[in-house]
Amino acid sequence: MSEYPARKEFQAKKSYEAIVAMPYSSGRYRHGRESKIDPRFSMTYETKMVATAALQAYKEGKSDKIILLGEQTVGAERGVLSTDQLIKEFLIAKGVPEANIIIHSGLGNSFQQLQRLSEIQNPDGKYLVVSLNFHQPRVKLLTKKMRIPVEHASAEELLIKRSEHYGKPVKKWKHSLGILKASLIEVPLRILTRVDSDGKGQNALTEILGTREPLTAFPRQRKRKKQ
């Protein structure tokens, strides 16, 4: 009889210490759902993909916690609004309890985001890091350098797996000009990441260039004219 409580405990155990969302910018509102925090700003399509994929992993029971590593929102007053706040609002609207969402705001680049994760990590736990395919190689480099116990998940693959509703626009987005440009920009950033062990070069680049401009907004679908 003693095996049954143990089995129940095993089934209740989550796979990961937390799901970690690696967003890709936020900026001026373009279209879609308006934020109640500040309707002038919104997540980019890319960040919404990561947020939705993290939500999918949460619903699958991968973990009962989601960590949001947010960056400064482009165009907003410094220190007032960052991407993690917009994602948190989105997740709460989708039914995730506020207590299950951990936010870290105003982180300027991928190095700073993952450095924060390394500072708060549970060394006995493992984290599921959700990022975009073109961003993931650099995220992998950083987590390996910082010795953070992680597994990586592709936001695109999680969404394509979820349903055709999400899969179709993701497949279209993957072949857009914006993604081609972003993939090319990632090449020198990966080289810098390999040689810049303490992050000084990456942080200096962020200081010079500022927070990256939002990559793209997914093309607005034209409304059908009423007959």
C-alpha atoms as a PDB file:
ATOM      1  CA  MET A   1       0.000   0.000   0.000  1.00  0.00           C
ATOM      2  CA  SER A   2       2.918   2.328   0.571  1.00  0.00           C
ATOM      3  CA  GLU A   3       3.584   2.598  -3.181  1.00  0.00           C
ATOM      4  CA  TYR A   4       0.379   4.567  -3.899  1.00  0.00           C
ATOM      5  CA  PRO A   5       1.274   7.813  -2.039  1.00  0.00           C
ATOM      6  CA  ALA A   6       4.718   7.727  -3.662  1.00  0.00           C
ATOM      7  CA  ARG A   7       3.154   7.318  -7.104  1.00  0.00           C
ATOM      8  CA  LYS A   8       0.762  10.211  -6.444  1.00  0.00           C
ATOM      9  CA  GLU A   9       3.664  12.403  -5.319  1.00  0.00           C
ATOM     10  CA  PHE A  10       5.630  11.506  -8.458  1.00  0.00           C
ATOM     11  CA  GLN A  11       2.707  12.427 -10.710  1.00  0.00           C
ATOM     12  CA  ALA A  12       2.299  15.795  -8.986  1.00  0.00           C
ATOM     13  CA  LYS A  13       5.969  16.678  -9.406  1.00  0.00           C
ATOM     14  CA  LYS A  14       6.617  19.246 -12.141  1.00  0.00           C
ATOM     15  CA  SER A  15       9.301  18.678 -14.788  1.00  0.00           C
ATOM     16  CA  TYR A  16      11.033  22.038 -14.323  1.00  0.00           C
ATOM     17  CA  GLU A  17      11.770  24.533 -11.582  1.00  0.00           C
ATOM     18  CA  ALA A  18      10.272  27.203 -13.857  1.00  0.00           C
ATOM     19  CA  ILE A  19       9.490  28.058 -17.461  1.00  0.00           C
ATOM     20  CA  VAL A  20      11.661  30.988 -18.549  1.00  0.00           C
ATOM     21  CA  ALA A  21      10.371  33.304 -21.295  1.00  0.00           C
ATOM     22  CA  MET A  22      13.020  35.095 -23.381  1.00  0.00           C
ATOM     23  CA  PRO A  23      11.062  37.977 -24.984  1.00  0.00           C
ATOM     24  CA  TYR A  24      12.099  39.857 -28.103  1.00  0.00           C
ATOM     25  CA  SER A  25      11.210  43.490 -27.520  1.00  0.00           C
ATOM     26  CA  SER A  26       8.148  45.662 -26.968  1.00  0.00           C
ATOM     27  CA  GLY A  27       7.346  49.109 -28.287  1.00  0.00           C
ATOM     28  CA  ARG A  28       4.707  51.436 -29.671  1.00  0.00           C
ATOM     29  CA  TYR A  29       1.256  49.933 -30.068  1.00  0.00           C
ATOM     30  CA  ARG A  30       0.511  48.899 -33.646  1.00  0.00           C
ATOM     31  CA  HIS A  31      -2.491  46.598 -33.592  1.00  0.00           C
ATOM     32  CA  GLY A  32      -4.110  43.793 -31.630  1.00  0.00           C
ATOM     33  CA  ARG A  33      -4.947  43.695 -27.932  1.00  0.00           C
ATOM     34  CA  GLU A  34      -4.454  47.008 -26.107  1.00  0.00           C
ATOM     35  CA  SER A  35      -2.611  46.993 -22.794  1.00  0.00           C
ATOM     36  CA  LYS A  36      -4.446  48.347 -19.755  1.00  0.00           C
ATOM     37  CA  ILE A  37      -1.074  49.302 -18.253  1.00  0.00           C
ATOM     38  CA  ASP A  38      -0.399  51.773 -21.056  1.00  0.00           C
ATOM     39  CA  PRO A  39      -2.360  51.461 -24.343  1.00  0.00           C
ATOM     40  CA  ARG A  40       0.376  53.350 -26.197  1.00  0.00           C
ATOM     41  CA  PHE A  41       2.654  50.291 -25.991  1.00  0.00           C
ATOM     42  CA  SER A  42       2.428  46.576 -26.679  1.00  0.00           C
ATOM     43  CA  MET A  43       4.419  43.374 -27.091  1.00  0.00           C
ATOM     44  CA  THR A  44       5.856  42.704 -30.529  1.00  0.00           C
ATOM     45  CA  TYR A  45       4.527  39.726 -32.452  1.00  0.00           C
ATOM     46  CA  GLU A  46       7.789  37.927 -31.610  1.00  0.00           C
ATOM     47  CA  THR A  47       7.387  38.487 -27.871  1.00  0.00           C
ATOM     48  CA  LYS A  48       3.747  37.415 -28.027  1.00  0.00           C
ATOM     49  CA  MET A  49       4.892  34.176 -29.681  1.00  0.00           C
ATOM     50  CA  VAL A  50       7.286  33.503 -26.801  1.00  0.00           C
ATOM     51  CA  ALA A  51       4.600  34.409 -24.230  1.00  0.00           C
ATOM     52  CA  THR A  52       2.020  32.133 -25.887  1.00  0.00           C
ATOM     53  CA  ALA A  53       4.539  29.281 -26.139  1.00  0.00           C
ATOM     54  CA  ALA A  54       5.461  29.689 -22.448  1.00  0.00           C
ATOM     55  CA  LEU A  55       1.740  29.613 -21.651  1.00  0.00           C
ATOM     56  CA  GLN A  56       1.424  26.385 -23.658  1.00  0.00           C
ATOM     57  CA  ALA A  57       4.282  24.780 -21.687  1.00  0.00           C
ATOM     58  CA  TYR A  58       2.593  25.934 -18.459  1.00  0.00           C
ATOM     59  CA  LYS A  59      -0.731  24.383 -19.514  1.00  0.00           C
ATOM     60  CA  GLU A  60       1.077  21.137 -20.341  1.00  0.00           C
ATOM     61  CA  GLY A  61       2.224  21.040 -16.713  1.00  0.00           C
ATOM     62  CA  LYS A  62       5.952  21.554 -17.372  1.00  0.00           C
ATOM     63  CA  SER A  63       6.102  23.838 -14.320  1.00  0.00           C
ATOM     64  CA  ASP A  64       3.790  25.861 -12.103  1.00  0.00           C
ATOM     65  CA  LYS A  65       6.019  28.954 -12.356  1.00  0.00           C
ATOM     66  CA  ILE A  66       6.846  31.275 -15.246  1.00  0.00           C
ATOM     67  CA  ILE A  67       9.849  33.604 -15.052  1.00  0.00           C
ATOM     68  CA  LEU A  68       9.740  36.702 -17.272  1.00  0.00           C
ATOM     69  CA  LEU A  69      13.093  38.336 -18.061  1.00  0.00           C
ATOM     70  CA  GLY A  70      11.995  41.715 -19.371  1.00  0.00           C
ATOM     71  CA  GLU A  71      13.768  44.458 -21.243  1.00  0.00           C
ATOM     72  CA  GLN A  72      13.075  48.172 -21.449  1.00  0.00           C
ATOM     73  CA  THR A  73      10.111  48.991 -23.709  1.00  0.00           C
ATOM     74  CA  VAL A  74      11.258  51.009 -26.720  1.00  0.00           C
ATOM     75  CA  GLY A  75       9.781  54.523 -26.676  1.00  0.00           C
ATOM     76  CA  ALA A  76       8.680  54.398 -23.029  1.00  0.00           C
ATOM     77  CA  GLU A  77      10.290  56.436 -20.277  1.00  0.00           C
ATOM     78  CA  ARG A  78      13.308  54.559 -18.918  1.00  0.00           C
ATOM     79  CA  GLY A  79      12.470  52.403 -15.921  1.00  0.00           C
ATOM     80  CA  VAL A  80       8.703  52.939 -16.234  1.00  0.00           C
ATOM     81  CA  LEU A  81       7.645  50.088 -18.532  1.00  0.00           C
ATOM     82  CA  SER A  82       9.336  46.883 -19.604  1.00  0.00           C
ATOM     83  CA  THR A  83       8.352  43.854 -21.647  1.00  0.00           C
ATOM     84  CA  ASP A  84       7.826  41.538 -18.665  1.00  0.00           C
ATOM     85  CA  GLN A  85       4.960  43.722 -17.393  1.00  0.00           C
ATOM     86  CA  LEU A  86       3.148  43.429 -20.732  1.00  0.00           C
ATOM     87  CA  ILE A  87       3.664  39.655 -20.820  1.00  0.00           C
ATOM     88  CA  LYS A  88       2.472  39.314 -17.227  1.00  0.00           C
ATOM     89  CA  GLU A  89      -0.732  41.174 -18.100  1.00  0.00           C
ATOM     90  CA  PHE A  90      -1.248  38.821 -21.055  1.00  0.00           C
ATOM     91  CA  LEU A  91      -0.662  35.665 -18.974  1.00  0.00           C
ATOM     92  CA  ILE A  92      -3.031  36.770 -16.208  1.00  0.00           C
ATOM     93  CA  ALA A  93      -5.717  37.456 -18.837  1.00  0.00           C
ATOM     94  CA  LYS A  94      -5.177  33.863 -20.033  1.00  0.00           C
ATOM     95  CA  GLY A  95      -5.766  32.467 -16.552  1.00  0.00           C
ATOM     96  CA  VAL A  96      -2.286  32.143 -15.021  1.00  0.00           C
ATOM     97  CA  PRO A  97      -2.426  33.153 -11.325  1.00  0.00           C
ATOM     98  CA  GLU A  98      -0.371  36.267 -10.585  1.00  0.00           C
ATOM     99  CA  ALA A  99       1.432  34.404  -7.777  1.00  0.00           C
ATOM    100  CA  ASN A 100       2.833  31.950 -10.369  1.00  0.00           C
ATOM    101  CA  ILE A 101       4.493  34.693 -12.436  1.00  0.00           C
ATOM    102  CA  ILE A 102       7.922  36.022 -11.457  1.00  0.00           C
ATOM    103  CA  ILE A 103       9.068  39.205 -13.206  1.00  0.00           C
ATOM    104  CA  HIS A 104      12.482  40.820 -13.584  1.00  0.00           C
ATOM    105  CA  SER A 105      12.326  44.219 -15.264  1.00  0.00           C
ATOM    106  CA  GLY A 106      14.571  46.581 -17.189  1.00  0.00           C
ATOM    107  CA  LEU A 107      17.202  44.081 -18.342  1.00  0.00           C
ATOM    108  CA  GLY A 108      18.963  45.541 -21.358  1.00  0.00           C
ATOM    109  CA  ASN A 109      20.077  42.505 -23.367  1.00  0.00           C
ATOM    110  CA  SER A 110      20.234  38.699 -23.446  1.00  0.00           C
ATOM    111  CA  PHE A 111      23.386  38.631 -21.298  1.00  0.00           C
ATOM    112  CA  GLN A 112      21.704  40.668 -18.542  1.00  0.00           C
ATOM    113  CA  GLN A 113      18.541  38.583 -18.751  1.00  0.00           C
ATOM    114  CA  LEU A 114      20.349  35.273 -18.292  1.00  0.00           C
ATOM    115  CA  GLN A 115      22.764  36.699 -15.765  1.00  0.00           C
ATOM    116  CA  ARG A 116      19.720  37.507 -13.638  1.00  0.00           C
ATOM    117  CA  LEU A 117      18.501  33.936 -14.061  1.00  0.00           C
ATOM    118  CA  SER A 118      21.910  32.656 -12.937  1.00  0.00           C
ATOM    119  CA  GLU A 119      21.645  34.832  -9.813  1.00  0.00           C
ATOM    120  CA  ILE A 120      18.224  33.528  -8.782  1.00  0.00           C
ATOM    121  CA  GLN A 121      18.511  29.926  -9.964  1.00  0.00           C
ATOM    122  CA  ASN A 122      17.972  26.935  -7.752  1.00  0.00           C
ATOM    123  CA  PRO A 123      21.118  24.840  -8.388  1.00  0.00           C
ATOM    124  CA  ASP A 124      19.123  21.675  -7.715  1.00  0.00           C
ATOM    125  CA  GLY A 125      16.442  22.570 -10.256  1.00  0.00           C
ATOM    126  CA  LYS A 126      16.261  22.695 -14.036  1.00  0.00           C
ATOM    127  CA  TYR A 127      14.691  25.442 -16.153  1.00  0.00           C
ATOM    128  CA  LEU A 128      12.843  25.293 -19.464  1.00  0.00           C
ATOM    129  CA  VAL A 129      13.967  28.313 -21.517  1.00  0.00           C
ATOM    130  CA  VAL A 130      11.555  29.302 -24.304  1.00  0.00           C
ATOM    131  CA  SER A 131      13.039  31.414 -27.085  1.00  0.00           C
ATOM    132  CA  LEU A 132      12.737  32.047 -30.824  1.00  0.00           C
ATOM    133  CA  ASN A 133      14.712  29.828 -33.223  1.00  0.00           C
ATOM    134  CA  PHE A 134      16.964  32.590 -34.552  1.00  0.00           C
ATOM    135  CA  HIS A 135      17.697  33.794 -30.981  1.00  0.00           C
ATOM    136  CA  GLN A 136      18.164  30.345 -29.455  1.00  0.00           C
ATOM    137  CA  PRO A 137      21.817  29.659 -30.466  1.00  0.00           C
ATOM    138  CA  ARG A 138      22.941  32.769 -28.542  1.00  0.00           C
ATOM    139  CA  VAL A 139      20.712  31.880 -25.593  1.00  0.00           C
ATOM    140  CA  LYS A 140      22.294  28.401 -25.541  1.00  0.00           C
ATOM    141  CA  LEU A 141      25.804  29.902 -25.563  1.00  0.00           C
ATOM    142  CA  LEU A 142      24.980  32.139 -22.615  1.00  0.00           C
ATOM    143  CA  THR A 143      23.270  29.502 -20.473  1.00  0.00           C
ATOM    144  CA  LYS A 144      26.205  27.141 -21.058  1.00  0.00           C
ATOM    145  CA  LYS A 145      28.744  29.811 -20.116  1.00  0.00           C
ATOM    146  CA  MET A 146      26.804  30.708 -16.979  1.00  0.00           C
ATOM    147  CA  ARG A 147      26.310  27.032 -16.078  1.00  0.00           C
ATOM    148  CA  ILE A 148      22.565  27.360 -15.697  1.00  0.00           C
ATOM    149  CA  PRO A 149      20.829  23.954 -15.663  1.00  0.00           C
ATOM    150  CA  VAL A 150      18.389  24.312 -18.559  1.00  0.00           C
ATOM    151  CA  GLU A 151      16.635  22.644 -21.422  1.00  0.00           C
ATOM    152  CA  HIS A 152      15.674  24.734 -24.434  1.00  0.00           C
ATOM    153  CA  ALA A 153      12.333  24.916 -26.219  1.00  0.00           C
ATOM    154  CA  SER A 154      11.519  26.568 -29.537  1.00  0.00           C
ATOM    155  CA  ALA A 155       8.581  28.967 -29.326  1.00  0.00           C
ATOM    156  CA  GLU A 156       7.759  28.272 -32.981  1.00  0.00           C
ATOM    157  CA  GLU A 157       7.687  24.496 -32.535  1.00  0.00           C
ATOM    158  CA  LEU A 158       5.504  24.715 -29.438  1.00  0.00           C
ATOM    159  CA  LEU A 159       2.978  26.859 -31.319  1.00  0.00           C
ATOM    160  CA  ILE A 160       2.990  24.759 -34.493  1.00  0.00           C
ATOM    161  CA  LYS A 161       2.445  21.690 -32.323  1.00  0.00           C
ATOM    162  CA  ARG A 162      -0.375  23.417 -30.456  1.00  0.00           C
ATOM    163  CA  SER A 163      -2.760  23.905 -33.382  1.00  0.00           C
ATOM    164  CA  GLU A 164      -3.150  24.839 -37.034  1.00  0.00           C
ATOM    165  CA  HIS A 165      -4.582  28.191 -35.876  1.00  0.00           C
ATOM    166  CA  TYR A 166      -1.183  29.108 -34.427  1.00  0.00           C
ATOM    167  CA  GLY A 167       0.919  27.107 -36.871  1.00  0.00           C
ATOM    168  CA  LYS A 168      -0.107  28.846 -40.108  1.00  0.00           C
ATOM    169  CA  PRO A 169       0.905  32.424 -39.164  1.00  0.00           C
ATOM    170  CA  VAL A 170       4.113  31.161 -37.502  1.00  0.00           C
ATOM    171  CA  LYS A 171       5.164  29.365 -40.687  1.00  0.00           C
ATOM    172  CA  LYS A 172       4.459  32.528 -42.688  1.00  0.00           C
ATOM    173  CA  TRP A 173       6.364  34.679 -40.178  1.00  0.00           C
ATOM    174  CA  LYS A 174       9.414  32.376 -40.327  1.00  0.00           C
ATOM    175  CA  HIS A 175       9.960  33.329 -43.966  1.00  0.00           C
ATOM    176  CA  SER A 176       9.504  37.085 -43.544  1.00  0.00           C
ATOM    177  CA  LEU A 177      12.141  39.696 -44.399  1.00  0.00           C
ATOM    178  CA  GLY A 178      12.270  40.819 -40.765  1.00  0.00           C
ATOM    179  CA  ILE A 179      13.334  37.362 -39.604  1.00  0.00           C
ATOM    180  CA  LEU A 180      15.986  37.133 -42.315  1.00  0.00           C
ATOM    181  CA  LYS A 181      17.455  40.445 -41.127  1.00  0.00           C
ATOM    182  CA  ALA A 182      17.298  39.391 -37.484  1.00  0.00           C
ATOM    183  CA  SER A 183      19.029  36.091 -38.268  1.00  0.00           C
ATOM    184  CA  LEU A 184      21.860  37.947 -40.009  1.00  0.00           C
ATOM    185  CA  ILE A 185      22.250  40.361 -37.065  1.00  0.00           C
ATOM    186  CA  GLU A 186      22.473  37.401 -34.704  1.00  0.00           C
ATOM    187  CA  VAL A 187      25.672  36.139 -36.399  1.00  0.00           C
ATOM    188  CA  PRO A 188      28.030  38.905 -35.129  1.00  0.00           C
ATOM    189  CA  LEU A 189      26.203  38.913 -31.780  1.00  0.00           C
ATOM    190  CA  ARG A 190      26.972  35.210 -31.389  1.00  0.00           C
ATOM    191  CA  ILE A 191      30.641  35.865 -32.154  1.00  0.00           C
ATOM    192  CA  LEU A 192      30.709  38.630 -29.548  1.00  0.00           C
ATOM    193  CA  THR A 193      29.028  36.315 -27.025  1.00  0.00           C
ATOM    194  CA  ARG A 194      31.730  33.673 -27.525  1.00  0.00           C
ATOM    195  CA  VAL A 195      34.620  36.049 -26.790  1.00  0.00           C
ATOM    196  CA  ASP A 196      32.936  38.353 -24.261  1.00  0.00           C
ATOM    197  CA  SER A 197      32.959  36.166 -21.161  1.00  0.00           C
ATOM    198  CA  ASP A 198      32.094  38.873 -18.616  1.00  0.00           C
ATOM    199  CA  GLY A 199      29.462  40.629 -20.724  1.00  0.00           C
ATOM    200  CA  LYS A 200      31.243  43.986 -20.773  1.00  0.00           C
ATOM    201  CA  GLY A 201      31.256  44.155 -24.565  1.00  0.00           C
ATOM    202  CA  GLN A 202      27.585  43.226 -24.819  1.00  0.00           C
ATOM    203  CA  ASN A 203      26.604  45.748 -22.154  1.00  0.00           C
ATOM    204  CA  ALA A 204      28.714  48.476 -23.804  1.00  0.00           C
ATOM    205  CA  LEU A 205      26.990  47.777 -27.121  1.00  0.00           C
ATOM    206  CA  THR A 206      23.591  48.091 -25.432  1.00  0.00           C
ATOM    207  CA  GLU A 207      24.623  51.429 -23.867  1.00  0.00           C
ATOM    208  CA  ILE A 208      25.707  52.765 -27.275  1.00  0.00           C
ATOM    209  CA  LEU A 209      22.792  51.466 -29.348  1.00  0.00           C
ATOM    210  CA  GLY A 210      20.076  51.410 -26.679  1.00  0.00           C
ATOM    211  CA  THR A 211      17.345  48.781 -26.473  1.00  0.00           C
ATOM    212  CA  ARG A 212      16.813  47.179 -29.870  1.00  0.00           C
ATOM    213  CA  GLU A 213      13.940  48.473 -31.944  1.00  0.00           C
ATOM    214  CA  PRO A 214      10.964  46.120 -32.214  1.00  0.00           C
ATOM    215  CA  LEU A 215      11.747  43.602 -34.929  1.00  0.00           C
ATOM    216  CA  THR A 216       8.421  43.482 -36.695  1.00  0.00           C
ATOM    217  CA  ALA A 217       4.708  43.498 -36.176  1.00  0.00           C
ATOM    218  CA  PHE A 218       2.942  40.676 -37.948  1.00  0.00           C
ATOM    219  CA  PRO A 219       1.195  42.069 -41.027  1.00  0.00           C
ATOM    220  CA  ARG A 220      -2.238  43.395 -40.172  1.00  0.00           C
ATOM    221  CA  GLN A 221      -4.998  41.383 -41.774  1.00  0.00           C
ATOM    222  CA  ARG A 222      -7.366  43.500 -43.777  1.00  0.00           C
ATOM    223  CA  LYS A 223     -10.918  43.560 -42.504  1.00  0.00           C
ATOM    224  CA  ARG A 224     -13.439  42.186 -44.915  1.00  0.00           C
ATOM    225  CA  LYS A 225     -15.893  44.711 -46.227  1.00  0.00           C
ATOM    226  CA  LYS A 226     -19.461  44.144 -45.153  1.00  0.00           C
ATOM    227  CA  GLN A 227     -21.629  43.074 -48.010  1.00  0.00           C
END
